[in-house]
N, C-alpha and C. Protein backbone atom coordinates (compact mmCIF):
# COMPACT_ATOMS: atom_id res chain seq x y z
N UNK A 1 17.78 18.29 18.72
CA UNK A 1 16.94 17.43 19.47
C UNK A 1 15.87 16.83 18.59
N UNK A 2 15.71 15.51 18.68
CA UNK A 2 14.64 14.82 17.83
C UNK A 2 13.35 14.92 18.59
N UNK A 3 12.32 15.28 17.84
CA UNK A 3 10.97 15.31 18.41
C UNK A 3 10.23 14.04 18.23
N UNK A 4 9.60 13.54 19.28
CA UNK A 4 8.75 12.28 19.13
C UNK A 4 7.56 12.68 18.28
N UNK A 5 7.01 11.64 17.67
CA UNK A 5 5.78 11.74 16.89
C UNK A 5 4.67 11.15 17.77
N UNK A 6 3.68 11.91 18.09
CA UNK A 6 2.57 11.48 19.03
C UNK A 6 1.27 11.50 18.30
N UNK A 7 0.52 10.38 18.35
CA UNK A 7 -0.80 10.23 17.80
C UNK A 7 -1.81 10.59 18.86
N UNK A 8 -2.69 11.50 18.58
CA UNK A 8 -3.77 11.87 19.51
C UNK A 8 -5.07 11.34 18.97
N UNK A 9 -5.69 10.45 19.76
CA UNK A 9 -6.93 9.77 19.32
C UNK A 9 -8.13 10.49 19.98
N UNK A 10 -9.08 10.91 19.19
CA UNK A 10 -10.27 11.50 19.72
C UNK A 10 -11.47 10.67 19.25
N UNK A 11 -11.94 9.79 20.19
CA UNK A 11 -13.07 8.91 19.84
C UNK A 11 -13.89 8.61 21.06
N UNK A 12 -15.01 8.01 20.78
CA UNK A 12 -15.86 7.47 21.87
C UNK A 12 -16.54 6.17 21.37
N UNK A 13 -16.93 5.39 22.28
CA UNK A 13 -17.65 4.15 22.00
C UNK A 13 -19.12 4.41 22.23
N UNK A 14 -19.98 4.07 21.33
CA UNK A 14 -21.38 4.41 21.46
C UNK A 14 -22.06 3.82 22.70
N UNK A 15 -21.60 2.68 23.16
CA UNK A 15 -22.27 2.13 24.37
C UNK A 15 -21.32 2.22 25.55
N UNK A 16 -20.26 3.13 25.48
CA UNK A 16 -19.48 3.37 26.63
C UNK A 16 -18.41 2.42 26.95
N UNK A 17 -18.16 1.41 26.15
CA UNK A 17 -17.10 0.42 26.46
C UNK A 17 -15.77 1.10 26.39
N UNK A 18 -14.78 0.66 27.22
CA UNK A 18 -13.45 1.18 27.10
C UNK A 18 -12.79 0.67 25.75
N UNK A 19 -11.94 1.52 25.20
CA UNK A 19 -11.34 1.23 23.88
C UNK A 19 -9.88 0.87 24.03
N UNK A 20 -9.44 -0.08 23.23
CA UNK A 20 -8.03 -0.38 23.09
C UNK A 20 -7.67 -0.14 21.66
N UNK A 21 -6.39 0.12 21.39
CA UNK A 21 -5.94 0.52 20.05
C UNK A 21 -4.87 -0.39 19.54
N UNK A 22 -5.03 -0.82 18.27
CA UNK A 22 -3.94 -1.56 17.55
C UNK A 22 -3.30 -0.51 16.69
N UNK A 23 -2.06 -0.29 16.93
CA UNK A 23 -1.32 0.75 16.21
C UNK A 23 -0.11 0.12 15.51
N UNK A 24 0.05 0.51 14.25
CA UNK A 24 1.16 0.04 13.45
C UNK A 24 1.78 1.24 12.71
N UNK A 25 3.13 1.19 12.61
CA UNK A 25 3.81 2.23 11.98
C UNK A 25 4.58 1.67 10.83
N UNK A 26 4.63 2.41 9.68
CA UNK A 26 5.44 2.08 8.52
C UNK A 26 6.28 3.25 8.08
N UNK A 27 7.34 3.00 7.46
CA UNK A 27 8.24 4.07 6.89
C UNK A 27 8.47 3.75 5.49
N UNK A 28 8.14 4.70 4.60
CA UNK A 28 8.28 4.61 3.16
C UNK A 28 7.61 3.33 2.62
N UNK A 29 6.48 2.97 3.29
CA UNK A 29 5.71 1.80 2.84
C UNK A 29 6.09 0.43 3.39
N UNK A 30 7.11 0.46 4.29
CA UNK A 30 7.66 -0.81 4.85
C UNK A 30 7.31 -0.88 6.32
N UNK A 31 6.90 -2.04 6.81
CA UNK A 31 6.57 -2.20 8.23
C UNK A 31 7.89 -2.01 9.04
N UNK A 32 7.61 -1.49 10.30
CA UNK A 32 8.80 -1.19 11.18
C UNK A 32 8.84 -1.99 12.41
N UNK A 33 7.68 -2.55 12.87
CA UNK A 33 7.72 -3.29 14.15
C UNK A 33 7.35 -2.32 15.28
N UNK A 34 7.30 -1.04 15.04
CA UNK A 34 6.92 -0.10 16.10
C UNK A 34 5.43 -0.13 16.26
N UNK A 35 5.00 -0.12 17.52
CA UNK A 35 3.60 -0.15 17.93
C UNK A 35 3.41 0.87 18.99
N UNK A 36 2.18 1.37 19.24
CA UNK A 36 1.90 2.38 20.22
C UNK A 36 1.68 3.75 19.63
N UNK A 37 1.14 4.59 20.49
CA UNK A 37 0.71 5.93 20.03
C UNK A 37 1.84 6.97 19.93
N UNK A 38 3.09 6.58 20.34
CA UNK A 38 4.18 7.49 20.33
C UNK A 38 5.38 6.81 19.64
N UNK A 39 5.96 7.55 18.68
CA UNK A 39 7.08 7.04 17.88
C UNK A 39 8.32 7.93 18.36
N UNK A 40 9.39 7.29 18.80
CA UNK A 40 10.53 8.05 19.28
C UNK A 40 11.14 8.78 18.08
N UNK A 41 11.38 10.08 18.33
CA UNK A 41 12.00 10.88 17.22
C UNK A 41 13.37 10.42 16.75
N UNK A 42 14.10 9.73 17.59
CA UNK A 42 15.48 9.30 17.25
C UNK A 42 15.46 8.23 16.19
N UNK A 43 14.27 7.65 15.84
CA UNK A 43 14.30 6.58 14.81
C UNK A 43 13.98 7.09 13.44
N UNK A 44 13.70 8.38 13.34
CA UNK A 44 13.31 8.99 12.06
C UNK A 44 14.54 9.58 11.37
N UNK A 45 14.45 9.65 10.02
CA UNK A 45 15.50 10.36 9.29
C UNK A 45 14.94 11.24 8.28
N UNK A 46 15.70 12.29 7.94
CA UNK A 46 15.30 13.27 6.92
C UNK A 46 14.87 12.57 5.67
N UNK A 47 13.71 13.06 5.09
CA UNK A 47 13.23 12.54 3.81
C UNK A 47 12.30 11.34 3.92
N UNK A 48 12.17 10.71 5.07
CA UNK A 48 11.29 9.57 5.25
C UNK A 48 9.85 10.02 5.36
N UNK A 49 8.99 9.21 4.98
CA UNK A 49 7.51 9.38 5.16
C UNK A 49 7.05 8.25 6.11
N UNK A 50 6.60 8.64 7.34
CA UNK A 50 6.12 7.70 8.29
C UNK A 50 4.56 7.72 8.25
N UNK A 51 4.00 6.52 8.29
CA UNK A 51 2.55 6.37 8.35
C UNK A 51 2.17 5.54 9.53
N UNK A 52 1.12 6.03 10.23
CA UNK A 52 0.55 5.29 11.36
C UNK A 52 -0.86 4.87 10.97
N UNK A 53 -1.14 3.62 11.41
CA UNK A 53 -2.60 3.10 11.22
C UNK A 53 -3.06 2.68 12.59
N UNK A 54 -4.28 3.13 12.89
CA UNK A 54 -4.91 2.88 14.20
C UNK A 54 -6.26 2.20 14.00
N UNK A 55 -6.46 1.13 14.77
CA UNK A 55 -7.78 0.43 14.78
C UNK A 55 -8.24 0.42 16.21
N UNK A 56 -9.43 0.91 16.52
CA UNK A 56 -10.01 0.91 17.82
C UNK A 56 -10.79 -0.40 18.04
N UNK A 57 -10.74 -0.94 19.21
CA UNK A 57 -11.43 -2.20 19.54
C UNK A 57 -12.08 -2.12 20.96
N UNK A 58 -13.36 -2.34 21.01
CA UNK A 58 -14.11 -2.26 22.27
C UNK A 58 -14.29 -3.64 22.81
N UNK A 59 -13.69 -4.67 22.31
CA UNK A 59 -13.84 -6.03 22.74
C UNK A 59 -15.08 -6.73 22.11
N UNK A 60 -15.84 -6.00 21.37
CA UNK A 60 -16.99 -6.58 20.65
C UNK A 60 -16.87 -6.30 19.15
N UNK A 61 -16.31 -5.21 18.80
CA UNK A 61 -16.16 -4.83 17.40
C UNK A 61 -14.92 -3.99 17.17
N UNK A 62 -14.43 -3.88 15.96
CA UNK A 62 -13.33 -3.04 15.69
C UNK A 62 -13.74 -2.01 14.65
N UNK A 63 -13.05 -0.83 14.72
CA UNK A 63 -13.29 0.20 13.81
C UNK A 63 -12.60 -0.05 12.48
N UNK A 64 -12.94 0.73 11.50
CA UNK A 64 -12.22 0.69 10.24
C UNK A 64 -10.83 1.31 10.56
N UNK A 65 -9.75 0.94 9.82
CA UNK A 65 -8.49 1.56 10.12
C UNK A 65 -8.51 3.12 9.78
N UNK A 66 -7.84 3.83 10.59
CA UNK A 66 -7.63 5.30 10.32
C UNK A 66 -6.14 5.47 10.16
N UNK A 67 -5.68 6.32 9.29
CA UNK A 67 -4.28 6.46 9.10
C UNK A 67 -3.89 7.94 8.85
N UNK A 68 -2.65 8.22 9.15
CA UNK A 68 -2.08 9.56 8.96
C UNK A 68 -0.59 9.44 8.60
N UNK A 69 -0.07 10.34 7.87
CA UNK A 69 1.35 10.27 7.49
C UNK A 69 2.03 11.63 7.80
N UNK A 70 3.32 11.49 8.00
CA UNK A 70 4.11 12.71 8.25
C UNK A 70 5.46 12.58 7.53
N UNK A 71 5.88 13.66 6.80
CA UNK A 71 7.16 13.62 6.16
C UNK A 71 8.16 14.26 7.04
N UNK A 72 9.31 13.54 7.26
CA UNK A 72 10.39 14.07 8.12
C UNK A 72 11.14 15.11 7.34
N UNK A 73 11.17 16.35 7.89
CA UNK A 73 11.86 17.44 7.18
C UNK A 73 13.34 17.53 7.81
N UNK A 74 13.98 18.57 7.33
CA UNK A 74 15.35 18.81 7.79
C UNK A 74 15.37 19.01 9.29
N UNK A 75 16.50 18.74 9.91
CA UNK A 75 16.63 19.04 11.36
C UNK A 75 17.87 19.88 11.58
N UNK A 76 17.98 20.44 12.73
CA UNK A 76 19.09 21.33 13.10
C UNK A 76 20.37 20.47 13.11
N UNK A 77 21.51 21.09 12.78
CA UNK A 77 22.78 20.34 12.83
C UNK A 77 23.10 20.00 14.31
N UNK A 78 23.85 18.91 14.46
CA UNK A 78 24.26 18.47 15.79
C UNK A 78 25.81 18.56 15.89
N UNK A 79 26.32 19.17 16.93
CA UNK A 79 27.81 19.27 17.11
C UNK A 79 28.34 17.97 17.68
N UNK A 80 29.31 17.33 17.03
CA UNK A 80 29.94 16.18 17.47
C UNK A 80 31.38 16.45 17.70
N UNK A 81 31.83 16.09 18.92
CA UNK A 81 33.21 16.37 19.30
C UNK A 81 34.09 15.22 18.72
N UNK A 82 35.26 15.65 18.16
CA UNK A 82 36.13 14.67 17.63
C UNK A 82 37.14 14.19 18.57
């Protein structure tokens, strides 16, 4: 079973405005077109390094980009019927 990669954002806006997020994902340094705080596990492969960049926006100003990376490790074998 492939596990989804979920980004958990812990932030507040100083004047209480609601926040929206611009999220971009890259794999091994290349853009992927994936957006959003959840990356489906089925799109990752062993040995890849996935990076997410998040920018918060309150409609008046944007945050500096924050990023995190995850290395995709080995996964359990899958039985395929012939």
